[in-house]
Amino acid sequence: MRYSRMRAPELPGVTTVLRVLRLLLHACFLFLLGVGTLRYLLTHLGSDSAHPQWTHGAVVCGAVLLGAVYCAGALVVRHDVHRTRSLVWLATVTLLWALLALAGPDFVWLAFPLYFLHLHLLRGLHSVVAVVVITASVVLGQALHGGDLTAGMVLGPVLGAVFAVAIAAGYMALHRESERRRELIDTLTRTRDELSAAQRRTGVLDERERLSREIHDTLAQGLSSIVLLLRAAESALPQDTDLAATRIAEARESASTNLAEARRFVRDLAPPSLTGANLPEALIRLCERVSRTDGIDCRFRTDGTPTELPSGYEVALLRAAQASLANVTAHAHAGTAVVTLGYLGQEVTLDVYDDGEGFDPEAPRTRADGTGYGIAALRERVTALGGDLEVESAPGEGTAVAVRLPLTHEENP
């Protein structure tokens, strides 16, 4: 089956049946016309007939003309949408047939395919009236040529007409079913295309949201750290050149780390912090870097027995720790921060606590300069994995960020 955006898909089975029926109808008409013409020639040419010889030639020419008109009109009816042209062609064919039937009885049986033409091209009661008129013409034509009217002359045309009406009704039912299925499949095709487009739009939005979280959790925090280190180096000059050199070296190291993050981020691989190490080791290095560069006593602890986690969980927990410690460094003015990774059987947890200034979790955090997005982005990342995030804080009482991720049977070896 072939699909197209501009038209309904073709139905090979039904369409083939309808096409074969049309071809059989045309073949039947031309075959009966040829048989009638041949019988007329064998019967009248060379015989002593009451009719002049020129009338025989006129009948033969009429038969040839009828065949030509029928063949030409069949193509018009098949491909032309103008109903007037189809009806003019049908009337012409019927008139030529009537003249031939009047000239010889051998052309009377062309009425059978004519039944189907009238039933197909005419509508409703008009088609039935046309069939009745043709049937009556056949009966009268046989009586005229035979000089007598028998039961067979009446029953044959009548039964043929009834049979034609029944076949035409079945043909129209099959045609309507074909059109209904064509419209249904066309609707399904459009719905499929619309669904595919909607899925693409949803995928673009999800990817855009993911990129915004990744940029915030990696590049934005890294650049913020570099800015703080360079400010510290600038403040140390010119009195303490050694401290300034240390801060510049730390800024250069942070820039290198974030460059690696950016390159790996473009390739959509795991964070460099996790490359060649498990999650606890990456968190230990993170705490050591925060202690070294920001002067905060950052400690790391584990609860429970460490187990292997899905890579998505490890990335999310590492990003959660990075985002939380970046907020501690930038806003909390804390002296101590504690990162706790817990393996609790059915879930894995990450808690980040600091003894800083604290804040009101209910107050809006986003700002005009684009900061304040960290908690919202972190919550979206955790929720996408089926977990939850809680933030407990109050002004002057420090802050605790708790992340909970469930472990299914497949994820917990």
Protein backbone atom coordinates (compact mmCIF):
# COMPACT_ATOMS: atom_id res chain seq x y z
CA MET A 1 0.00 0.00 0.00
CA ARG A 2 1.34 3.39 -0.93
CA TYR A 3 0.87 6.47 1.19
CA SER A 4 0.84 10.05 -0.05
CA ARG A 5 0.52 13.42 1.63
CA MET A 6 -1.64 14.80 -1.18
CA ARG A 7 -4.21 12.03 -1.66
CA ALA A 8 -5.69 9.05 0.07
CA PRO A 9 -3.68 5.83 -0.04
CA GLU A 10 -4.62 3.25 -2.59
CA LEU A 11 -6.34 0.04 -1.52
CA PRO A 12 -4.82 -2.61 -3.80
CA GLY A 13 -7.43 -5.34 -3.20
CA VAL A 14 -10.65 -3.37 -3.58
CA THR A 15 -9.28 -1.06 -6.26
CA THR A 16 -8.17 -4.04 -8.36
CA VAL A 17 -11.58 -5.69 -8.10
CA LEU A 18 -13.37 -2.53 -9.21
CA ARG A 19 -10.95 -2.02 -12.08
CA VAL A 20 -11.41 -5.62 -13.25
CA LEU A 21 -15.20 -5.23 -13.15
CA ARG A 22 -15.01 -2.10 -15.30
CA LEU A 23 -12.75 -3.83 -17.81
CA LEU A 24 -15.10 -6.83 -17.96
CA LEU A 25 -18.03 -4.52 -18.62
CA HIS A 26 -16.21 -2.82 -21.52
CA ALA A 27 -15.04 -6.16 -22.89
CA CYS A 28 -18.60 -7.54 -22.69
CA PHE A 29 -20.00 -4.57 -24.61
CA LEU A 30 -17.38 -4.74 -27.36
CA PHE A 31 -17.66 -8.54 -27.60
CA LEU A 32 -21.46 -8.46 -27.99
CA LEU A 33 -21.11 -5.61 -30.50
CA GLY A 34 -18.62 -7.63 -32.52
CA VAL A 35 -20.77 -10.78 -32.38
CA GLY A 36 -23.87 -8.84 -33.40
CA THR A 37 -22.07 -7.20 -36.31
CA LEU A 38 -20.64 -10.53 -37.51
CA ARG A 39 -24.03 -12.26 -37.30
CA TYR A 40 -25.64 -9.39 -39.15
CA LEU A 41 -23.09 -9.63 -41.95
CA LEU A 42 -23.47 -13.40 -42.24
CA THR A 43 -27.25 -13.13 -42.26
CA HIS A 44 -27.87 -10.19 -44.61
CA LEU A 45 -24.94 -9.67 -46.94
CA GLY A 46 -25.34 -11.62 -50.17
CA SER A 47 -28.89 -12.71 -49.29
CA ASP A 48 -32.10 -11.68 -50.95
CA SER A 49 -33.37 -9.18 -48.45
CA ALA A 50 -36.21 -6.73 -48.71
CA HIS A 51 -33.91 -3.99 -47.55
CA PRO A 52 -31.60 -2.17 -50.00
CA GLN A 53 -27.94 -3.15 -49.93
CA TRP A 54 -26.88 0.32 -48.85
CA THR A 55 -28.75 -0.13 -45.56
CA HIS A 56 -26.48 -3.07 -44.72
CA GLY A 57 -23.42 -0.87 -45.16
CA ALA A 58 -25.06 1.80 -43.03
CA VAL A 59 -25.64 -0.73 -40.23
CA VAL A 60 -22.02 -1.88 -40.34
CA CYS A 61 -20.82 1.72 -40.31
CA GLY A 62 -23.18 2.40 -37.39
CA ALA A 63 -21.71 -0.55 -35.48
CA VAL A 64 -18.16 0.71 -36.10
CA LEU A 65 -19.22 4.22 -35.04
CA LEU A 66 -20.80 2.84 -31.87
CA GLY A 67 -17.62 0.95 -31.02
CA ALA A 68 -15.48 4.05 -31.58
CA VAL A 69 -17.79 6.30 -29.56
CA TYR A 70 -17.92 3.74 -26.76
CA CYS A 71 -14.12 3.33 -26.53
CA ALA A 72 -13.49 7.09 -26.65
CA GLY A 73 -16.23 7.82 -24.12
CA ALA A 74 -15.11 5.09 -21.73
CA LEU A 75 -11.84 6.97 -21.21
CA VAL A 76 -13.69 10.24 -20.70
CA VAL A 77 -16.02 8.71 -18.14
CA ARG A 78 -13.06 7.10 -16.34
CA HIS A 79 -10.89 10.22 -16.10
CA ASP A 80 -13.25 13.19 -16.52
CA VAL A 81 -15.16 14.66 -13.59
CA HIS A 82 -17.68 16.57 -15.75
CA ARG A 83 -21.01 14.81 -15.34
CA THR A 84 -22.57 16.55 -18.37
CA ARG A 85 -20.01 15.00 -20.74
CA SER A 86 -20.63 11.56 -19.27
CA LEU A 87 -24.40 11.87 -19.72
CA VAL A 88 -24.03 13.11 -23.31
CA TRP A 89 -21.82 10.12 -24.07
CA LEU A 90 -24.31 7.73 -22.44
CA ALA A 91 -27.19 9.22 -24.46
CA THR A 92 -25.17 8.92 -27.69
CA VAL A 93 -24.30 5.28 -27.04
CA THR A 94 -27.92 4.48 -26.16
CA LEU A 95 -29.25 6.21 -29.30
CA LEU A 96 -26.79 4.40 -31.59
CA TRP A 97 -27.68 1.09 -29.95
CA ALA A 98 -31.40 1.76 -30.40
CA LEU A 99 -30.88 2.42 -34.11
CA LEU A 100 -28.84 -0.76 -34.52
CA ALA A 101 -31.39 -2.80 -32.56
CA LEU A 102 -34.10 -1.43 -34.83
CA ALA A 103 -32.08 -2.51 -37.89
CA GLY A 104 -31.32 -6.02 -36.69
CA PRO A 105 -32.13 -8.33 -33.74
CA ASP A 106 -28.49 -9.33 -33.38
CA PHE A 107 -27.76 -6.05 -31.56
CA VAL A 108 -30.57 -6.41 -29.03
CA TRP A 109 -28.38 -8.17 -26.45
CA LEU A 110 -26.13 -5.12 -26.11
CA ALA A 111 -28.82 -4.01 -23.67
CA PHE A 112 -27.21 -6.12 -20.92
CA PRO A 113 -23.98 -4.02 -20.59
CA LEU A 114 -26.10 -0.90 -21.19
CA TYR A 115 -27.98 -1.72 -17.99
CA PHE A 116 -24.75 -1.36 -16.00
CA LEU A 117 -23.79 1.89 -17.74
CA HIS A 118 -27.14 3.50 -16.87
CA LEU A 119 -27.09 2.18 -13.32
CA HIS A 120 -23.55 3.51 -12.84
CA LEU A 121 -23.89 6.95 -14.43
CA LEU A 122 -27.48 7.78 -13.52
CA ARG A 123 -28.69 8.25 -9.98
CA GLY A 124 -31.50 6.78 -7.95
CA LEU A 125 -34.86 6.45 -9.65
CA HIS A 126 -33.52 7.72 -12.99
CA SER A 127 -31.29 4.68 -13.36
CA VAL A 128 -34.17 2.28 -12.60
CA VAL A 129 -36.46 4.05 -15.10
CA ALA A 130 -33.72 3.82 -17.74
CA VAL A 131 -33.36 0.08 -17.14
CA VAL A 132 -37.13 -0.41 -17.46
CA VAL A 133 -37.21 1.58 -20.72
CA ILE A 134 -34.31 -0.41 -22.18
CA THR A 135 -35.95 -3.68 -21.16
CA ALA A 136 -39.21 -2.66 -22.79
CA SER A 137 -37.31 -1.66 -25.94
CA VAL A 138 -35.62 -5.07 -26.07
CA VAL A 139 -38.94 -6.89 -25.71
CA LEU A 140 -40.60 -4.76 -28.37
CA GLY A 141 -37.58 -5.05 -30.69
CA GLN A 142 -37.67 -8.85 -30.51
CA ALA A 143 -41.40 -8.85 -31.12
CA LEU A 144 -40.94 -6.50 -34.08
CA HIS A 145 -38.23 -8.63 -35.72
CA GLY A 146 -39.78 -11.99 -34.84
CA GLY A 147 -43.33 -11.07 -35.63
CA ASP A 148 -44.47 -12.78 -32.45
CA LEU A 149 -44.07 -12.33 -28.66
CA THR A 150 -43.25 -15.37 -26.53
CA ALA A 151 -42.64 -15.85 -22.84
CA GLY A 152 -38.91 -16.28 -23.44
CA MET A 153 -38.73 -12.93 -25.19
CA VAL A 154 -40.14 -11.30 -22.04
CA LEU A 155 -38.46 -13.35 -19.28
CA GLY A 156 -34.96 -13.12 -20.79
CA PRO A 157 -34.68 -9.32 -20.83
CA VAL A 158 -36.54 -8.98 -17.51
CA LEU A 159 -34.28 -11.48 -15.72
CA GLY A 160 -31.24 -9.84 -17.29
CA ALA A 161 -32.40 -6.45 -16.00
CA VAL A 162 -32.99 -7.79 -12.48
CA PHE A 163 -29.61 -9.50 -12.51
CA ALA A 164 -27.94 -6.28 -13.69
CA VAL A 165 -29.62 -4.24 -10.95
CA ALA A 166 -28.45 -6.71 -8.30
CA ILE A 167 -24.87 -6.71 -9.59
CA ALA A 168 -24.87 -2.91 -9.84
CA ALA A 169 -26.09 -2.64 -6.25
CA GLY A 170 -23.27 -4.90 -5.12
CA TYR A 171 -20.78 -2.91 -7.17
CA MET A 172 -21.92 0.37 -5.62
CA ALA A 173 -21.76 -1.11 -2.12
CA LEU A 174 -18.22 -2.29 -2.81
CA HIS A 175 -17.33 1.11 -4.22
CA ARG A 176 -18.72 2.92 -1.17
CA GLU A 177 -16.81 0.59 1.13
CA SER A 178 -13.67 1.26 -0.85
CA GLU A 179 -14.15 5.01 -0.52
CA ARG A 180 -14.91 4.70 3.19
CA ARG A 181 -11.75 2.68 3.77
CA ARG A 182 -9.76 5.10 1.65
CA GLU A 183 -10.99 8.04 3.74
CA LEU A 184 -10.34 6.12 6.96
CA ILE A 185 -6.77 5.27 6.00
CA ASP A 186 -6.20 8.83 4.82
CA THR A 187 -7.41 10.08 8.20
CA LEU A 188 -5.15 7.61 10.00
CA THR A 189 -2.23 8.68 7.84
CA ARG A 190 -2.79 12.37 8.64
CA THR A 191 -3.20 11.51 12.32
CA ARG A 192 0.04 9.55 12.24
CA ASP A 193 1.86 12.49 10.65
CA GLU A 194 0.38 14.92 13.19
CA LEU A 195 1.34 12.60 16.05
CA SER A 196 4.85 12.27 14.67
CA ALA A 197 5.16 16.06 14.41
CA ALA A 198 3.85 16.45 17.98
CA GLN A 199 6.37 13.90 19.22
CA ARG A 200 9.15 15.75 17.45
CA ARG A 201 8.06 19.03 19.05
CA THR A 202 7.89 17.35 22.45
CA GLY A 203 11.32 15.85 21.91
CA VAL A 204 12.73 19.26 20.99
CA LEU A 205 11.24 20.84 24.11
CA ASP A 206 12.52 18.02 26.33
CA GLU A 207 15.97 18.26 24.81
CA ARG A 208 15.96 22.04 25.24
CA GLU A 209 15.04 21.62 28.89
CA ARG A 210 17.75 19.01 29.36
CA LEU A 211 20.33 21.27 27.75
CA SER A 212 19.35 24.17 30.00
CA ARG A 213 19.84 21.98 33.09
CA GLU A 214 23.17 20.65 31.85
CA ILE A 215 24.47 24.12 31.02
CA HIS A 216 23.40 25.46 34.39
CA ASP A 217 24.87 22.54 36.33
CA THR A 218 28.19 22.49 34.47
CA LEU A 219 29.29 25.47 32.42
CA ALA A 220 27.46 28.22 34.32
CA GLN A 221 28.71 26.99 37.71
CA GLY A 222 32.22 26.51 36.38
CA LEU A 223 32.33 30.02 34.93
CA SER A 224 30.99 31.40 38.22
CA SER A 225 33.78 29.63 40.09
CA ILE A 226 36.37 31.05 37.70
CA VAL A 227 35.00 34.57 38.22
CA LEU A 228 35.22 34.19 42.02
CA LEU A 229 38.78 32.87 41.83
CA LEU A 230 39.91 35.71 39.57
CA ARG A 231 38.28 38.25 41.87
CA ALA A 232 40.16 36.74 44.80
CA ALA A 233 43.40 36.92 42.81
CA GLU A 234 42.69 40.54 41.89
CA SER A 235 42.07 41.42 45.55
CA ALA A 236 45.35 39.79 46.60
CA LEU A 237 47.40 41.92 44.21
CA PRO A 238 49.83 43.50 44.66
CA GLN A 239 50.28 42.71 48.38
CA ASP A 240 50.13 38.91 48.24
CA THR A 241 51.42 37.75 44.88
CA ASP A 242 51.73 34.14 46.03
CA LEU A 243 48.03 33.95 46.92
CA ALA A 244 47.14 35.67 43.65
CA ALA A 245 49.22 33.14 41.70
CA THR A 246 47.51 30.28 43.57
CA ARG A 247 44.04 31.62 42.78
CA ILE A 248 44.99 32.13 39.11
CA ALA A 249 46.28 28.55 38.93
CA GLU A 250 43.04 27.32 40.48
CA ALA A 251 41.06 29.39 37.97
CA ARG A 252 43.08 27.87 35.13
CA GLU A 253 42.41 24.38 36.48
CA SER A 254 38.70 25.13 36.76
CA ALA A 255 38.67 26.48 33.20
CA SER A 256 40.37 23.31 31.94
CA THR A 257 37.86 21.15 33.81
CA ASN A 258 34.93 23.07 32.38
CA LEU A 259 36.41 22.91 28.88
CA ALA A 260 36.52 19.13 29.23
CA GLU A 261 32.93 19.25 30.51
CA ALA A 262 31.87 21.28 27.48
CA ARG A 263 33.56 18.92 25.01
CA ARG A 264 32.15 15.83 26.69
CA PHE A 265 28.77 17.52 26.98
CA VAL A 266 28.73 18.13 23.23
CA ARG A 267 29.43 14.45 22.66
CA ASP A 268 26.66 13.63 25.20
CA LEU A 269 28.83 11.26 27.22
CA ALA A 270 29.21 10.84 30.96
CA PRO A 271 30.61 13.78 32.98
CA PRO A 272 34.42 13.85 33.15
CA SER A 273 34.11 13.77 36.95
CA LEU A 274 32.78 10.22 36.65
CA THR A 275 35.24 9.01 34.01
CA GLY A 276 37.35 6.24 35.44
CA ALA A 277 35.77 6.58 38.92
CA ASN A 278 32.62 5.69 40.79
CA LEU A 279 30.23 8.18 42.36
CA PRO A 280 31.77 8.25 45.87
CA GLU A 281 35.23 8.97 44.43
CA ALA A 282 33.82 11.76 42.27
CA LEU A 283 32.08 13.31 45.31
CA ILE A 284 35.30 13.06 47.35
CA ARG A 285 37.19 14.97 44.66
CA LEU A 286 34.40 17.53 44.48
CA CYS A 287 34.55 18.15 48.24
CA GLU A 288 38.35 18.41 48.14
CA ARG A 289 38.16 20.99 45.35
CA VAL A 290 35.58 23.08 47.20
CA SER A 291 37.70 22.99 50.35
CA ARG A 292 40.82 23.96 48.45
CA THR A 293 39.41 26.72 46.26
CA ASP A 294 36.67 28.26 48.40
CA GLY A 295 38.03 27.86 51.91
CA ILE A 296 34.99 25.86 53.11
CA ASP A 297 35.44 22.82 55.31
CA CYS A 298 33.66 20.41 52.95
CA ARG A 299 33.36 16.82 54.16
CA PHE A 300 32.05 13.68 52.51
CA ARG A 301 30.39 10.69 54.21
CA THR A 302 28.66 7.49 53.09
CA ASP A 303 25.92 5.52 54.78
CA GLY A 304 25.28 1.88 53.97
CA THR A 305 27.10 -0.39 51.57
CA PRO A 306 27.97 1.26 48.23
CA THR A 307 26.39 -0.49 45.25
CA GLU A 308 26.57 0.07 41.53
CA LEU A 309 24.02 2.62 40.33
CA PRO A 310 22.60 3.30 36.88
CA SER A 311 24.64 5.91 35.01
CA GLY A 312 21.64 8.26 34.96
CA TYR A 313 21.44 8.13 38.76
CA GLU A 314 25.15 8.79 39.18
CA VAL A 315 25.02 11.79 36.84
CA ALA A 316 21.94 13.20 38.59
CA LEU A 317 23.43 12.79 42.09
CA LEU A 318 26.74 14.30 41.04
CA ARG A 319 24.95 17.27 39.44
CA ALA A 320 22.87 17.66 42.59
CA ALA A 321 26.01 17.82 44.73
CA GLN A 322 27.70 20.27 42.32
CA ALA A 323 24.63 22.55 42.22
CA SER A 324 24.16 22.48 45.99
CA LEU A 325 27.82 23.22 46.76
CA ALA A 326 27.86 25.96 44.12
CA ASN A 327 24.97 27.63 45.98
CA VAL A 328 26.85 27.19 49.26
CA THR A 329 29.93 28.83 47.80
CA ALA A 330 28.09 31.68 46.13
CA HIS A 331 25.38 32.55 48.65
CA ALA A 332 25.59 30.75 52.00
CA HIS A 333 28.84 32.24 53.41
CA ALA A 334 29.20 28.92 55.26
CA GLY A 335 32.19 27.59 57.15
CA THR A 336 31.26 23.91 56.90
CA ALA A 337 29.45 21.76 54.35
CA VAL A 338 28.72 18.04 54.64
CA VAL A 339 27.83 15.79 51.67
CA THR A 340 26.28 12.43 52.64
CA LEU A 341 25.62 9.65 50.13
CA GLY A 342 23.31 6.95 51.50
CA TYR A 343 22.54 3.47 50.19
CA LEU A 344 19.32 2.48 51.95
CA GLY A 345 18.33 -0.71 50.15
CA GLN A 346 15.27 0.48 48.24
CA GLU A 347 16.57 3.98 47.56
CA VAL A 348 19.73 6.02 47.25
CA THR A 349 19.95 9.40 48.95
CA LEU A 350 22.17 12.46 48.76
CA ASP A 351 22.11 15.08 51.54
CA VAL A 352 24.05 18.35 51.38
CA TYR A 353 24.08 20.41 54.58
CA ASP A 354 25.80 23.72 55.28
CA ASP A 355 25.90 26.02 58.33
CA GLY A 356 25.54 29.21 56.32
CA GLU A 357 23.08 32.07 56.40
CA GLY A 358 20.13 30.08 55.10
CA PHE A 359 17.16 31.48 53.19
CA ASP A 360 13.39 31.21 52.81
CA PRO A 361 12.65 28.23 50.49
CA GLU A 362 9.19 29.64 49.68
CA ALA A 363 10.56 32.93 48.35
CA PRO A 364 11.11 33.26 44.57
CA ARG A 365 14.70 32.39 43.66
CA THR A 366 14.99 33.33 39.99
CA ARG A 367 16.49 36.72 39.28
CA ALA A 368 16.69 39.09 36.33
CA ASP A 369 20.34 38.16 35.67
CA GLY A 370 19.39 34.52 35.04
CA THR A 371 20.59 33.12 38.37
CA GLY A 372 18.44 31.38 40.93
CA TYR A 373 17.50 28.61 38.52
CA GLY A 374 19.51 25.87 40.25
CA ILE A 375 16.90 24.46 42.64
CA ALA A 376 14.19 24.36 39.98
CA ALA A 377 16.50 22.66 37.45
CA LEU A 378 17.68 20.19 40.07
CA ARG A 379 14.11 19.34 41.05
CA GLU A 380 13.18 18.69 37.40
CA ARG A 381 16.20 16.43 36.94
CA VAL A 382 15.36 14.38 40.03
CA THR A 383 11.64 14.20 39.24
CA ALA A 384 12.42 12.90 35.74
CA LEU A 385 14.05 9.86 37.41
CA GLY A 386 11.06 9.23 39.68
CA GLY A 387 12.67 10.74 42.77
CA ASP A 388 11.99 13.77 44.92
CA LEU A 389 13.95 16.70 46.28
CA GLU A 390 13.43 18.54 49.57
CA VAL A 391 15.01 21.79 50.70
CA GLU A 392 14.97 22.73 54.38
CA SER A 393 16.28 26.12 55.36
CA ALA A 394 15.50 29.27 57.29
CA PRO A 395 17.33 32.59 57.58
CA GLY A 396 20.32 32.16 59.93
CA GLU A 397 19.86 28.38 60.33
CA GLY A 398 21.77 26.89 57.44
CA THR A 399 20.41 24.77 54.57
CA ALA A 400 19.83 21.08 53.94
CA VAL A 401 19.16 19.68 50.46
CA ALA A 402 17.89 16.07 50.34
CA VAL A 403 17.60 14.00 47.17
CA ARG A 404 15.82 10.63 47.12
CA LEU A 405 15.94 8.25 44.13
CA PRO A 406 14.10 4.88 44.22
CA LEU A 407 15.88 1.69 43.24
CA THR A 408 13.85 -0.89 41.31
CA HIS A 409 14.75 -4.58 41.18
CA GLU A 410 16.44 -4.08 37.81
CA GLU A 411 18.46 -1.13 39.10
CA ASN A 412 19.47 -2.74 42.43
CA PRO A 413 21.79 -5.72 41.85
